[in-house]
Amino acid sequence: MAKHDVRYGGELRKRYNKVEGMRTAKYVCPRCGKKNVKRKGNAQWQCRSCEAKIAGGAYVLSTPAGESSLQTIRDLKQSSK
């Protein structure tokens, strides 16, 4: 039996399992480079190696919107040089 049963439809179970897998996965730390970042709470992530605390997405470390904004910032910095 699953941690939280999602009922009434295979599509809902597939979506839930996908999000649950992303939420519990380990991610690469942007500070030390090790694959040891785990979710501590809603949008709170912490590296277990270097103890870095990172604010990110609710279920994934970096969201598509966050990646887009970082790319825009990088482009603006390069164009100003």
Protein backbone atom coordinates (compact mmCIF):
# COMPACT_ATOMS: atom_id res chain seq x y z
CA MET A 1 0.00 0.00 0.00
CA ALA A 2 1.29 3.44 -0.90
CA LYS A 3 2.06 6.23 1.53
CA HIS A 4 -0.91 8.30 0.34
CA ASP A 5 -3.41 6.35 -1.70
CA VAL A 6 -4.55 8.20 -4.79
CA ARG A 7 -7.84 6.76 -5.90
CA TYR A 8 -10.17 6.93 -8.86
CA GLY A 9 -8.06 6.76 -11.96
CA GLY A 10 -4.82 5.51 -13.35
CA GLU A 11 -3.84 8.92 -14.71
CA LEU A 12 -4.00 10.47 -11.23
CA ARG A 13 -1.83 7.68 -9.81
CA LYS A 14 0.72 8.19 -12.59
CA ARG A 15 0.88 11.93 -11.92
CA TYR A 16 1.19 11.39 -8.17
CA ASN A 17 3.96 8.81 -8.57
CA LYS A 18 5.87 11.12 -10.92
CA VAL A 19 5.72 14.05 -8.48
CA GLU A 20 6.50 11.82 -5.50
CA GLY A 21 9.55 10.45 -7.32
CA MET A 22 10.84 13.96 -8.06
CA ARG A 23 10.19 15.08 -4.49
CA THR A 24 12.12 12.24 -2.86
CA ALA A 25 15.01 12.13 -5.37
CA LYS A 26 18.52 13.38 -4.65
CA TYR A 27 19.81 16.35 -6.64
CA VAL A 28 23.26 17.75 -7.40
CA CYS A 29 24.41 20.47 -5.02
CA PRO A 30 25.25 23.75 -6.81
CA ARG A 31 27.85 24.54 -4.13
CA CYS A 32 29.88 21.33 -3.71
CA GLY A 33 28.79 19.37 -6.81
CA LYS A 34 27.81 16.18 -4.97
CA LYS A 35 24.50 14.42 -5.58
CA ASN A 36 23.34 14.81 -2.02
CA VAL A 37 20.61 17.48 -1.90
CA LYS A 38 17.37 16.38 -0.25
CA ARG A 39 14.08 18.18 0.35
CA LYS A 40 13.66 19.43 3.93
CA GLY A 41 10.27 21.14 3.56
CA ASN A 42 8.15 23.02 1.10
CA ALA A 43 10.66 24.64 -1.31
CA GLN A 44 13.49 24.10 1.21
CA TRP A 45 16.43 21.94 0.17
CA GLN A 46 19.63 21.03 2.02
CA CYS A 47 22.87 19.38 0.96
CA ARG A 48 23.85 16.61 3.35
CA SER A 49 27.55 16.97 2.50
CA CYS A 50 28.26 20.69 2.79
CA GLU A 51 25.09 21.66 4.75
CA ALA A 52 24.16 24.30 2.15
CA LYS A 53 20.55 25.44 2.42
CA ILE A 54 18.86 26.19 -0.88
CA ALA A 55 15.49 27.69 -1.77
CA GLY A 56 13.99 26.01 -4.80
CA GLY A 57 10.76 24.64 -6.17
CA ALA A 58 8.16 22.87 -4.09
CA TYR A 59 8.82 19.41 -5.54
CA VAL A 60 12.02 19.85 -7.60
CA LEU A 61 15.22 21.73 -6.82
CA SER A 62 14.95 24.07 -9.80
CA THR A 63 11.78 24.91 -11.71
CA PRO A 64 11.56 25.70 -15.43
CA ALA A 65 10.65 29.31 -14.58
CA GLY A 66 13.71 29.58 -12.33
CA GLU A 67 15.98 28.16 -15.03
CA SER A 68 14.57 30.65 -17.53
CA SER A 69 15.19 33.61 -15.23
CA LEU A 70 18.76 32.46 -14.49
CA GLN A 71 19.45 32.20 -18.22
CA THR A 72 18.10 35.73 -18.75
CA ILE A 73 20.35 37.06 -15.97
CA ARG A 74 23.38 35.29 -17.50
CA ASP A 75 22.59 36.77 -20.92
CA LEU A 76 22.23 40.28 -19.48
CA LYS A 77 25.55 39.98 -17.65
CA GLN A 78 27.33 38.83 -20.81
CA SER A 79 25.81 41.60 -22.92
CA SER A 80 26.88 44.29 -20.44
CA LYS A 81 30.55 43.21 -20.58
